[in-house]
């Protein structure tokens, strides 16, 4: 599908993510840049230089991030891939958890036309620490888990509060590229 056409773009970041400090944990800015870059063709008409007038607390979100990353935040907010309730994204250089990553990835694949899975119980029953997943994050975790984009660990846990590493993101980018 769409992400597959971005594979040539994604191949360089995958190699870079895997070869240069794969254990390094990601910030929200880095994750947002990778996800928005993968969707670039679909988001051409979304403004990156400023926020739409209908964004709640627009002034608060203007210039929250550094110059290199603010356009990606603007696109993510203007497209609805992020929303102003995602407060973790309001801070510079904050590490991204697996739960937060699930939100942006689930919204991105939905934006790209992926079908919503209504009954995710079959999948979430396999997550042994499901009760520890943030209540607001559960619908997003369920979707990405059910679609096999973000998986759990060998012991059956999801570990939603763990921070995402470059190695984990490279696997997710590869999976998105095959969709």
Foldseek 3Di string as FASTA:
>chain_A
DQLLVCVVVLVVLLCVCVPPPQQDFDAPLVLLVSLCVSCVVVQVPQFQPAADPPAPPRVLLPPQEDPVRSSSVRSCPNLVLDHPVLVSVSHYPHFAFQLNSLSSVQSSVVSVPDDQDDDLCVQLVLAPVSVVRDPVSNSSCSRCRSVVLQHPDPVSHNRRRDTHGSNSVSSSSVVSSVD
